[in-house]
Amino acid sequence: MSDEFDEKLARFERLWDGVTPKGENRAKALKFRQYMRNHVLQKFHKRRKDQWANADKGHFNHGFSSKDQFLTKENCRKYWMGELQKDIRDAETWS
């Protein structure tokens, strides 16, 4: 299982960097990054109107204060590896 995990992680890194057999392809890297960020964004899609930060309320009702805060390579990697979905499931079932 560790080899499968390592290969999946290595594949993510290659796709993130746009590495192809012919070399690096910046367009492919950007396309993959956008694809991953869209999926991560969907995971944090607001379920209620008051979940996002509202400046007029002076506080944040969501775990993240801005979209840029969670659209990171680390969270994209977690999504790719299935860790982010597990974290969200655990957070939603925590009472």
C-alpha atoms as a PDB file:
ATOM      1  CA  MET A   1       0.000   0.000   0.000  1.00  0.00           C
ATOM      2  CA  SER A   2       2.882   2.355   0.718  1.00  0.00           C
ATOM      3  CA  ASP A   3       4.149   2.024  -2.865  1.00  0.00           C
ATOM      4  CA  GLU A   4       0.686   2.871  -4.182  1.00  0.00           C
ATOM      5  CA  PHE A   5       0.515   5.870  -1.828  1.00  0.00           C
ATOM      6  CA  ASP A   6       3.987   7.050  -2.884  1.00  0.00           C
ATOM      7  CA  GLU A   7       3.139   6.659  -6.577  1.00  0.00           C
ATOM      8  CA  LYS A   8      -0.076   8.629  -6.153  1.00  0.00           C
ATOM      9  CA  LEU A   9       1.814  11.411  -4.366  1.00  0.00           C
ATOM     10  CA  ALA A  10       4.548  11.418  -7.034  1.00  0.00           C
ATOM     11  CA  ARG A  11       1.896  11.605  -9.754  1.00  0.00           C
ATOM     12  CA  PHE A  12       0.319  14.610  -8.028  1.00  0.00           C
ATOM     13  CA  GLU A  13       3.703  16.375  -7.905  1.00  0.00           C
ATOM     14  CA  ARG A  14       4.344  15.639 -11.601  1.00  0.00           C
ATOM     15  CA  LEU A  15       0.903  16.921 -12.592  1.00  0.00           C
ATOM     16  CA  TRP A  16       1.215  19.991 -10.340  1.00  0.00           C
ATOM     17  CA  ASP A  17       4.555  20.864 -11.971  1.00  0.00           C
ATOM     18  CA  GLY A  18       3.345  19.976 -15.483  1.00  0.00           C
ATOM     19  CA  VAL A  19       6.032  17.349 -16.030  1.00  0.00           C
ATOM     20  CA  THR A  20       5.472  15.338 -19.216  1.00  0.00           C
ATOM     21  CA  PRO A  21       7.707  12.853 -21.059  1.00  0.00           C
ATOM     22  CA  LYS A  22       8.789  15.743 -23.315  1.00  0.00           C
ATOM     23  CA  GLY A  23       9.641  18.053 -20.419  1.00  0.00           C
ATOM     24  CA  GLU A  24       7.703  20.617 -18.429  1.00  0.00           C
ATOM     25  CA  ASN A  25       4.460  22.009 -19.814  1.00  0.00           C
ATOM     26  CA  ARG A  26       3.336  25.142 -17.972  1.00  0.00           C
ATOM     27  CA  ALA A  27      -0.115  25.123 -19.604  1.00  0.00           C
ATOM     28  CA  LYS A  28      -0.802  21.591 -18.351  1.00  0.00           C
ATOM     29  CA  ALA A  29       0.404  22.532 -14.878  1.00  0.00           C
ATOM     30  CA  LEU A  30      -1.917  25.539 -14.755  1.00  0.00           C
ATOM     31  CA  LYS A  31      -4.835  23.490 -16.079  1.00  0.00           C
ATOM     32  CA  PHE A  32      -4.308  20.792 -13.429  1.00  0.00           C
ATOM     33  CA  ARG A  33      -3.944  23.386 -10.664  1.00  0.00           C
ATOM     34  CA  GLN A  34      -7.190  25.069 -11.693  1.00  0.00           C
ATOM     35  CA  TYR A  35      -8.926  21.673 -11.857  1.00  0.00           C
ATOM     36  CA  MET A  36      -7.758  20.797  -8.337  1.00  0.00           C
ATOM     37  CA  ARG A  37      -8.635  24.217  -6.924  1.00  0.00           C
ATOM     38  CA  ASN A  38     -12.139  23.943  -8.352  1.00  0.00           C
ATOM     39  CA  HIS A  39     -12.593  20.607  -6.596  1.00  0.00           C
ATOM     40  CA  VAL A  40     -11.233  21.947  -3.311  1.00  0.00           C
ATOM     41  CA  LEU A  41     -13.501  24.982  -3.632  1.00  0.00           C
ATOM     42  CA  GLN A  42     -16.522  22.696  -4.104  1.00  0.00           C
ATOM     43  CA  LYS A  43     -15.636  20.898  -0.879  1.00  0.00           C
ATOM     44  CA  PHE A  44     -15.887  24.218   0.953  1.00  0.00           C
ATOM     45  CA  HIS A  45     -18.914  25.446  -0.982  1.00  0.00           C
ATOM     46  CA  LYS A  46     -21.216  27.317   1.337  1.00  0.00           C
ATOM     47  CA  ARG A  47     -24.114  25.301   2.645  1.00  0.00           C
ATOM     48  CA  ARG A  48     -25.834  28.242   4.308  1.00  0.00           C
ATOM     49  CA  LYS A  49     -25.853  31.931   3.544  1.00  0.00           C
ATOM     50  CA  ASP A  50     -24.124  32.876   6.792  1.00  0.00           C
ATOM     51  CA  GLN A  51     -21.136  30.533   6.486  1.00  0.00           C
ATOM     52  CA  TRP A  52     -18.791  32.985   4.772  1.00  0.00           C
ATOM     53  CA  ALA A  53     -17.244  36.040   6.333  1.00  0.00           C
ATOM     54  CA  ASN A  54     -19.376  39.147   6.395  1.00  0.00           C
ATOM     55  CA  ALA A  55     -17.573  42.400   7.066  1.00  0.00           C
ATOM     56  CA  ASP A  56     -20.744  44.048   8.358  1.00  0.00           C
ATOM     57  CA  LYS A  57     -21.147  41.339  11.023  1.00  0.00           C
ATOM     58  CA  GLY A  58     -17.537  41.729  12.145  1.00  0.00           C
ATOM     59  CA  HIS A  59     -16.899  38.021  12.516  1.00  0.00           C
ATOM     60  CA  PHE A  60     -16.389  34.851  10.529  1.00  0.00           C
ATOM     61  CA  ASN A  61     -18.919  32.031  10.543  1.00  0.00           C
ATOM     62  CA  HIS A  62     -16.759  29.646   8.568  1.00  0.00           C
ATOM     63  CA  GLY A  63     -13.485  27.932   9.315  1.00  0.00           C
ATOM     64  CA  PHE A  64     -11.727  29.967   6.624  1.00  0.00           C
ATOM     65  CA  SER A  65     -11.732  33.738   6.392  1.00  0.00           C
ATOM     66  CA  SER A  66     -11.098  33.890   2.653  1.00  0.00           C
ATOM     67  CA  LYS A  67     -11.167  31.574  -0.337  1.00  0.00           C
ATOM     68  CA  ASP A  68      -7.446  32.128  -0.990  1.00  0.00           C
ATOM     69  CA  GLN A  69      -6.671  30.785   2.455  1.00  0.00           C
ATOM     70  CA  PHE A  70      -7.689  27.230   1.550  1.00  0.00           C
ATOM     71  CA  LEU A  71      -6.872  27.131  -2.182  1.00  0.00           C
ATOM     72  CA  THR A  72      -3.292  26.070  -1.501  1.00  0.00           C
ATOM     73  CA  LYS A  73      -1.077  23.341  -2.907  1.00  0.00           C
ATOM     74  CA  GLU A  74      -1.221  21.568   0.456  1.00  0.00           C
ATOM     75  CA  ASN A  75      -5.032  21.399   0.459  1.00  0.00           C
ATOM     76  CA  CYS A  76      -5.040  20.338  -3.195  1.00  0.00           C
ATOM     77  CA  ARG A  77      -2.597  17.550  -2.305  1.00  0.00           C
ATOM     78  CA  LYS A  78      -4.800  16.524   0.619  1.00  0.00           C
ATOM     79  CA  TYR A  79      -7.804  16.401  -1.714  1.00  0.00           C
ATOM     80  CA  TRP A  80      -5.863  14.309  -4.251  1.00  0.00           C
ATOM     81  CA  MET A  81      -4.797  11.852  -1.551  1.00  0.00           C
ATOM     82  CA  GLY A  82      -8.286  11.674   0.002  1.00  0.00           C
ATOM     83  CA  GLU A  83      -7.211  13.246   3.295  1.00  0.00           C
ATOM     84  CA  LEU A  84      -9.258  16.425   2.896  1.00  0.00           C
ATOM     85  CA  GLN A  85     -12.517  14.527   2.431  1.00  0.00           C
ATOM     86  CA  LYS A  86     -11.755  12.521   5.585  1.00  0.00           C
ATOM     87  CA  ASP A  87     -10.982  15.714   7.547  1.00  0.00           C
ATOM     88  CA  ILE A  88     -14.258  17.294   6.424  1.00  0.00           C
ATOM     89  CA  ARG A  89     -16.238  14.157   7.279  1.00  0.00           C
ATOM     90  CA  ASP A  90     -14.639  14.043  10.720  1.00  0.00           C
ATOM     91  CA  ALA A  91     -15.359  17.742  11.307  1.00  0.00           C
ATOM     92  CA  GLU A  92     -19.000  17.373  10.274  1.00  0.00           C
ATOM     93  CA  THR A  93     -19.586  14.374  12.541  1.00  0.00           C
ATOM     94  CA  TRP A  94     -17.762  15.864  15.527  1.00  0.00           C
ATOM     95  CA  SER A  95     -20.205  16.721  18.287  1.00  0.00           C
END
